[in-house]
Amino acid sequence: MTKLTLSVLALAAMSSLAGCATTGNPSGCDGWRAIRPSAAEVESASDDLVRQVVEHNRHGAARCGWRA
């Protein structure tokens, strides 16, 4: 193999490994937070939306340590 071929293969391997880097938080909670709607939003929300928000917040409390 030539030097160029080896360099390209090494660069491809490094690029694919760099895509797997993490921030050190294994829970996957980075970038997520509890949803806290206002009283007006709660009054106008559908039952399904309220259920989804409650489910989201319960999951975050259990997995990420969010406070209710």
PDB file of N, CA and C in Angstrom:
ATOM      1  N   MET A   1       0.835  -1.182   0.000  1.00  0.00           N
ATOM      2  CA  MET A   1       0.000   0.000   0.000  1.00  0.00           C
ATOM      3  C   MET A   1       0.877   1.242   0.000  1.00  0.00           C
ATOM      4  N   THR A   2       0.356   2.236  -0.630  1.00  0.00           N
ATOM      5  CA  THR A   2       1.120   3.479  -0.674  1.00  0.00           C
ATOM      6  C   THR A   2       0.864   4.308   0.579  1.00  0.00           C
ATOM      7  N   LYS A   3       1.723   5.297   0.786  1.00  0.00           N
ATOM      8  CA  LYS A   3       1.562   6.187   1.934  1.00  0.00           C
ATOM      9  C   LYS A   3       0.231   6.928   1.867  1.00  0.00           C
ATOM     10  N   LEU A   4      -0.165   7.331   0.671  1.00  0.00           N
ATOM     11  CA  LEU A   4      -1.425   8.062   0.505  1.00  0.00           C
ATOM     12  C   LEU A   4      -2.609   7.187   0.895  1.00  0.00           C
ATOM     13  N   THR A   5      -2.608   5.941   0.467  1.00  0.00           N
ATOM     14  CA  THR A   5      -3.690   5.018   0.801  1.00  0.00           C
ATOM     15  C   THR A   5      -3.772   4.798   2.304  1.00  0.00           C
ATOM     16  N   LEU A   6      -2.633   4.592   2.934  1.00  0.00           N
ATOM     17  CA  LEU A   6      -2.599   4.397   4.387  1.00  0.00           C
ATOM     18  C   LEU A   6      -3.081   5.652   5.119  1.00  0.00           C
ATOM     19  N   SER A   7      -2.696   6.810   4.624  1.00  0.00           N
ATOM     20  CA  SER A   7      -3.131   8.063   5.248  1.00  0.00           C
ATOM     21  C   SER A   7      -4.636   8.238   5.143  1.00  0.00           C
ATOM     22  N   VAL A   8      -5.195   7.930   3.981  1.00  0.00           N
ATOM     23  CA  VAL A   8      -6.638   8.047   3.779  1.00  0.00           C
ATOM     24  C   VAL A   8      -7.387   7.059   4.673  1.00  0.00           C
ATOM     25  N   LEU A   9      -6.913   5.834   4.776  1.00  0.00           N
ATOM     26  CA  LEU A   9      -7.538   4.838   5.641  1.00  0.00           C
ATOM     27  C   LEU A   9      -7.470   5.255   7.111  1.00  0.00           C
ATOM     28  N   ALA A  10      -6.330   5.776   7.531  1.00  0.00           N
ATOM     29  CA  ALA A  10      -6.188   6.233   8.918  1.00  0.00           C
ATOM     30  C   ALA A  10      -7.117   7.404   9.196  1.00  0.00           C
ATOM     31  N   LEU A  11      -7.222   8.331   8.263  1.00  0.00           N
ATOM     32  CA  LEU A  11      -8.112   9.481   8.429  1.00  0.00           C
ATOM     33  C   LEU A  11      -9.572   9.033   8.496  1.00  0.00           C
ATOM     34  N   ALA A  12      -9.949   8.088   7.682  1.00  0.00           N
ATOM     35  CA  ALA A  12     -11.327   7.571   7.697  1.00  0.00           C
ATOM     36  C   ALA A  12     -11.627   6.881   9.027  1.00  0.00           C
ATOM     37  N   ALA A  13     -10.683   6.116   9.535  1.00  0.00           N
ATOM     38  CA  ALA A  13     -10.883   5.437  10.816  1.00  0.00           C
ATOM     39  C   ALA A  13     -11.007   6.448  11.948  1.00  0.00           C
ATOM     40  N   MET A  14     -10.165   7.462  11.959  1.00  0.00           N
ATOM     41  CA  MET A  14     -10.233   8.485  13.013  1.00  0.00           C
ATOM     42  C   MET A  14     -11.538   9.273  12.939  1.00  0.00           C
ATOM     43  N   SER A  15     -11.990   9.572  11.739  1.00  0.00           N
ATOM     44  CA  SER A  15     -13.243  10.312  11.584  1.00  0.00           C
ATOM     45  C   SER A  15     -14.429   9.524  12.105  1.00  0.00           C
ATOM     46  N   SER A  16     -14.447   8.229  11.827  1.00  0.00           N
ATOM     47  CA  SER A  16     -15.570   7.420  12.292  1.00  0.00           C
ATOM     48  C   SER A  16     -15.554   7.271  13.809  1.00  0.00           C
ATOM     49  N   LEU A  17     -14.379   7.194  14.408  1.00  0.00           N
ATOM     50  CA  LEU A  17     -14.281   7.092  15.865  1.00  0.00           C
ATOM     51  C   LEU A  17     -14.637   8.407  16.544  1.00  0.00           C
ATOM     52  N   ALA A  18     -14.322   9.524  15.934  1.00  0.00           N
ATOM     53  CA  ALA A  18     -14.638  10.825  16.518  1.00  0.00           C
ATOM     54  C   ALA A  18     -16.146  11.038  16.588  1.00  0.00           C
ATOM     55  N   GLY A  19     -16.899  10.436  15.700  1.00  0.00           N
ATOM     56  CA  GLY A  19     -18.346  10.562  15.717  1.00  0.00           C
ATOM     57  C   GLY A  19     -18.989   9.857  16.894  1.00  0.00           C
ATOM     58  N   CYS A  20     -18.255   9.023  17.600  1.00  0.00           N
ATOM     59  CA  CYS A  20     -18.789   8.285  18.737  1.00  0.00           C
ATOM     60  C   CYS A  20     -18.432   8.926  20.074  1.00  0.00           C
ATOM     61  N   ALA A  21     -17.834  10.088  20.061  1.00  0.00           N
ATOM     62  CA  ALA A  21     -17.428  10.738  21.302  1.00  0.00           C
ATOM     63  C   ALA A  21     -18.656  11.147  22.099  1.00  0.00           C
ATOM     64  N   THR A  22     -18.534  11.105  23.407  1.00  0.00           N
ATOM     65  CA  THR A  22     -19.628  11.510  24.291  1.00  0.00           C
ATOM     66  C   THR A  22     -19.162  12.631  25.196  1.00  0.00           C
ATOM     67  N   THR A  23     -20.101  13.247  25.888  1.00  0.00           N
ATOM     68  CA  THR A  23     -19.780  14.352  26.782  1.00  0.00           C
ATOM     69  C   THR A  23     -19.513  13.873  28.192  1.00  0.00           C
ATOM     70  N   GLY A  24     -19.558  12.578  28.426  1.00  0.00           N
ATOM     71  CA  GLY A  24     -19.298  12.056  29.748  1.00  0.00           C
ATOM     72  C   GLY A  24     -20.552  11.851  30.579  1.00  0.00           C
ATOM     73  N   ASN A  25     -21.724  12.193  30.047  1.00  0.00           N
ATOM     74  CA  ASN A  25     -22.982  11.984  30.758  1.00  0.00           C
ATOM     75  C   ASN A  25     -23.669  10.778  30.151  1.00  0.00           C
ATOM     76  N   PRO A  26     -23.533   9.594  30.758  1.00  0.00           N
ATOM     77  CA  PRO A  26     -24.071   8.378  30.155  1.00  0.00           C
ATOM     78  C   PRO A  26     -25.595   8.292  30.201  1.00  0.00           C
ATOM     79  N   SER A  27     -26.251   9.171  30.940  1.00  0.00           N
ATOM     80  CA  SER A  27     -27.707   9.087  31.064  1.00  0.00           C
ATOM     81  C   SER A  27     -28.430   9.631  29.845  1.00  0.00           C
ATOM     82  N   GLY A  28     -27.743  10.401  29.017  1.00  0.00           N
ATOM     83  CA  GLY A  28     -28.385  10.977  27.838  1.00  0.00           C
ATOM     84  C   GLY A  28     -29.250  12.178  28.165  1.00  0.00           C
ATOM     85  N   CYS A  29     -28.976  12.868  29.260  1.00  0.00           N
ATOM     86  CA  CYS A  29     -29.812  13.984  29.710  1.00  0.00           C
ATOM     87  C   CYS A  29     -29.340  15.336  29.204  1.00  0.00           C
ATOM     88  N   ASP A  30     -28.167  15.388  28.578  1.00  0.00           N
ATOM     89  CA  ASP A  30     -27.676  16.660  28.065  1.00  0.00           C
ATOM     90  C   ASP A  30     -28.655  17.235  27.054  1.00  0.00           C
ATOM     91  N   GLY A  31     -28.967  18.493  27.201  1.00  0.00           N
ATOM     92  CA  GLY A  31     -29.844  19.159  26.246  1.00  0.00           C
ATOM     93  C   GLY A  31     -31.324  18.989  26.519  1.00  0.00           C
ATOM     94  N   TRP A  32     -31.689  18.299  27.565  1.00  0.00           N
ATOM     95  CA  TRP A  32     -33.098  18.086  27.900  1.00  0.00           C
ATOM     96  C   TRP A  32     -33.399  18.718  29.245  1.00  0.00           C
ATOM     97  N   ARG A  33     -34.639  19.139  29.435  1.00  0.00           N
ATOM     98  CA  ARG A  33     -35.035  19.703  30.716  1.00  0.00           C
ATOM     99  C   ARG A  33     -36.521  19.450  30.926  1.00  0.00           C
ATOM    100  N   ALA A  34     -36.963  19.680  32.143  1.00  0.00           N
ATOM    101  CA  ALA A  34     -38.373  19.492  32.466  1.00  0.00           C
ATOM    102  C   ALA A  34     -39.222  20.521  31.722  1.00  0.00           C
ATOM    103  N   ILE A  35     -40.438  20.132  31.398  1.00  0.00           N
ATOM    104  CA  ILE A  35     -41.387  21.042  30.761  1.00  0.00           C
ATOM    105  C   ILE A  35     -42.275  21.607  31.854  1.00  0.00           C
ATOM    106  N   ARG A  36     -42.298  22.927  31.970  1.00  0.00           N
ATOM    107  CA  ARG A  36     -43.097  23.591  33.001  1.00  0.00           C
ATOM    108  C   ARG A  36     -44.022  24.611  32.338  1.00  0.00           C
ATOM    109  N   PRO A  37     -45.204  24.155  31.917  1.00  0.00           N
ATOM    110  CA  PRO A  37     -46.129  25.073  31.244  1.00  0.00           C
ATOM    111  C   PRO A  37     -46.756  26.060  32.232  1.00  0.00           C
ATOM    112  N   SER A  38     -47.188  27.191  31.698  1.00  0.00           N
ATOM    113  CA  SER A  38     -47.883  28.177  32.524  1.00  0.00           C
ATOM    114  C   SER A  38     -49.299  27.682  32.815  1.00  0.00           C
ATOM    115  N   ALA A  39     -49.970  28.337  33.737  1.00  0.00           N
ATOM    116  CA  ALA A  39     -51.345  27.957  34.086  1.00  0.00           C
ATOM    117  C   ALA A  39     -52.262  28.072  32.869  1.00  0.00           C
ATOM    118  N   ALA A  40     -52.075  29.111  32.065  1.00  0.00           N
ATOM    119  CA  ALA A  40     -52.902  29.294  30.864  1.00  0.00           C
ATOM    120  C   ALA A  40     -52.666  28.171  29.856  1.00  0.00           C
ATOM    121  N   GLU A  41     -51.409  27.737  29.715  1.00  0.00           N
ATOM    122  CA  GLU A  41     -51.098  26.645  28.794  1.00  0.00           C
ATOM    123  C   GLU A  41     -51.721  25.335  29.268  1.00  0.00           C
ATOM    124  N   VAL A  42     -51.717  25.117  30.574  1.00  0.00           N
ATOM    125  CA  VAL A  42     -52.309  23.896  31.123  1.00  0.00           C
ATOM    126  C   VAL A  42     -53.808  23.869  30.858  1.00  0.00           C
ATOM    127  N   GLU A  43     -54.473  25.006  31.041  1.00  0.00           N
ATOM    128  CA  GLU A  43     -55.928  25.063  30.838  1.00  0.00           C
ATOM    129  C   GLU A  43     -56.324  24.799  29.397  1.00  0.00           C
ATOM    130  N   SER A  44     -55.499  25.219  28.451  1.00  0.00           N
ATOM    131  CA  SER A  44     -55.856  25.052  27.046  1.00  0.00           C
ATOM    132  C   SER A  44     -55.296  23.771  26.423  1.00  0.00           C
ATOM    133  N   ALA A  45     -54.492  23.016  27.166  1.00  0.00           N
ATOM    134  CA  ALA A  45     -53.856  21.813  26.622  1.00  0.00           C
ATOM    135  C   ALA A  45     -54.836  20.642  26.564  1.00  0.00           C
ATOM    136  N   SER A  46     -54.636  19.798  25.565  1.00  0.00           N
ATOM    137  CA  SER A  46     -55.450  18.589  25.450  1.00  0.00           C
ATOM    138  C   SER A  46     -54.999  17.571  26.491  1.00  0.00           C
ATOM    139  N   ASP A  47     -55.853  16.599  26.759  1.00  0.00           N
ATOM    140  CA  ASP A  47     -55.508  15.543  27.709  1.00  0.00           C
ATOM    141  C   ASP A  47     -54.273  14.780  27.247  1.00  0.00           C
ATOM    142  N   ASP A  48     -54.168  14.566  25.939  1.00  0.00           N
ATOM    143  CA  ASP A  48     -53.020  13.829  25.402  1.00  0.00           C
ATOM    144  C   ASP A  48     -51.723  14.611  25.616  1.00  0.00           C
ATOM    145  N   LEU A  49     -51.763  15.921  25.406  1.00  0.00           N
ATOM    146  CA  LEU A  49     -50.568  16.733  25.608  1.00  0.00           C
ATOM    147  C   LEU A  49     -50.163  16.739  27.082  1.00  0.00           C
ATOM    148  N   VAL A  50     -51.130  16.862  27.967  1.00  0.00           N
ATOM    149  CA  VAL A  50     -50.837  16.830  29.403  1.00  0.00           C
ATOM    150  C   VAL A  50     -50.201  15.494  29.771  1.00  0.00           C
ATOM    151  N   ARG A  51     -50.728  14.402  29.238  1.00  0.00           N
ATOM    152  CA  ARG A  51     -50.170  13.079  29.506  1.00  0.00           C
ATOM    153  C   ARG A  51     -48.722  12.996  29.025  1.00  0.00           C
ATOM    154  N   GLN A  52     -48.436  13.538  27.841  1.00  0.00           N
ATOM    155  CA  GLN A  52     -47.081  13.502  27.298  1.00  0.00           C
ATOM    156  C   GLN A  52     -46.110  14.319  28.148  1.00  0.00           C
ATOM    157  N   VAL A  53     -46.546  15.485  28.606  1.00  0.00           N
ATOM    158  CA  VAL A  53     -45.690  16.329  29.440  1.00  0.00           C
ATOM    159  C   VAL A  53     -45.397  15.632  30.765  1.00  0.00           C
ATOM    160  N   VAL A  54     -46.422  15.053  31.376  1.00  0.00           N
ATOM    161  CA  VAL A  54     -46.231  14.347  32.648  1.00  0.00           C
ATOM    162  C   VAL A  54     -45.286  13.168  32.456  1.00  0.00           C
ATOM    163  N   GLU A  55     -45.467  12.424  31.386  1.00  0.00           N
ATOM    164  CA  GLU A  55     -44.593  11.276  31.109  1.00  0.00           C
ATOM    165  C   GLU A  55     -43.151  11.731  30.894  1.00  0.00           C
ATOM    166  N   HIS A  56     -42.969  12.810  30.153  1.00  0.00           N
ATOM    167  CA  HIS A  56     -41.636  13.365  29.902  1.00  0.00           C
ATOM    168  C   HIS A  56     -40.976  13.766  31.218  1.00  0.00           C
ATOM    169  N   ASN A  57     -41.704  14.477  32.057  1.00  0.00           N
ATOM    170  CA  ASN A  57     -41.142  14.954  33.318  1.00  0.00           C
ATOM    171  C   ASN A  57     -40.861  13.815  34.294  1.00  0.00           C
ATOM    172  N   ARG A  58     -41.705  12.807  34.308  1.00  0.00           N
ATOM    173  CA  ARG A  58     -41.452  11.642  35.186  1.00  0.00           C
ATOM    174  C   ARG A  58     -40.199  10.899  34.736  1.00  0.00           C
ATOM    175  N   HIS A  59     -40.059  10.732  33.446  1.00  0.00           N
ATOM    176  CA  HIS A  59     -38.871  10.075  32.905  1.00  0.00           C
ATOM    177  C   HIS A  59     -37.623  10.862  33.289  1.00  0.00           C
ATOM    178  N   GLY A  60     -37.661  12.176  33.120  1.00  0.00           N
ATOM    179  CA  GLY A  60     -36.508  13.024  33.465  1.00  0.00           C
ATOM    180  C   GLY A  60     -36.200  12.971  34.947  1.00  0.00           C
ATOM    181  N   ALA A  61     -37.233  12.933  35.785  1.00  0.00           N
ATOM    182  CA  ALA A  61     -37.007  12.846  37.230  1.00  0.00           C
ATOM    183  C   ALA A  61     -36.335  11.537  37.596  1.00  0.00           C
ATOM    184  N   ALA A  62     -36.776  10.454  36.978  1.00  0.00           N
ATOM    185  CA  ALA A  62     -36.224   9.139  37.279  1.00  0.00           C
ATOM    186  C   ALA A  62     -34.819   8.959  36.714  1.00  0.00           C
ATOM    187  N   ARG A  63     -34.589   9.411  35.493  1.00  0.00           N
ATOM    188  CA  ARG A  63     -33.312   9.137  34.835  1.00  0.00           C
ATOM    189  C   ARG A  63     -32.284  10.254  35.012  1.00  0.00           C
ATOM    190  N   CYS A  64     -32.771  11.498  35.098  1.00  0.00           N
ATOM    191  CA  CYS A  64     -31.852  12.636  35.095  1.00  0.00           C
ATOM    192  C   CYS A  64     -31.811  13.398  36.411  1.00  0.00           C
ATOM    193  N   GLY A  65     -32.698  13.024  37.352  1.00  0.00           N
ATOM    194  CA  GLY A  65     -32.710  13.695  38.640  1.00  0.00           C
ATOM    195  C   GLY A  65     -33.415  15.028  38.660  1.00  0.00           C
ATOM    196  N   TRP A  66     -34.312  15.270  37.668  1.00  0.00           N
ATOM    197  CA  TRP A  66     -35.050  16.536  37.654  1.00  0.00           C
ATOM    198  C   TRP A  66     -35.946  16.605  38.881  1.00  0.00           C
ATOM    199  N   ARG A  67     -36.201  17.804  39.327  1.00  0.00           N
ATOM    200  CA  ARG A  67     -37.130  18.009  40.436  1.00  0.00           C
ATOM    201  C   ARG A  67     -38.492  18.384  39.900  1.00  0.00           C
ATOM    202  N   ALA A  68     -39.527  17.889  40.542  1.00  0.00           N
ATOM    203  CA  ALA A  68     -40.894  18.167  40.099  1.00  0.00           C
ATOM    204  C   ALA A  68     -41.276  19.609  40.368  1.00  0.00           C
TER     205      ALA A  68
END
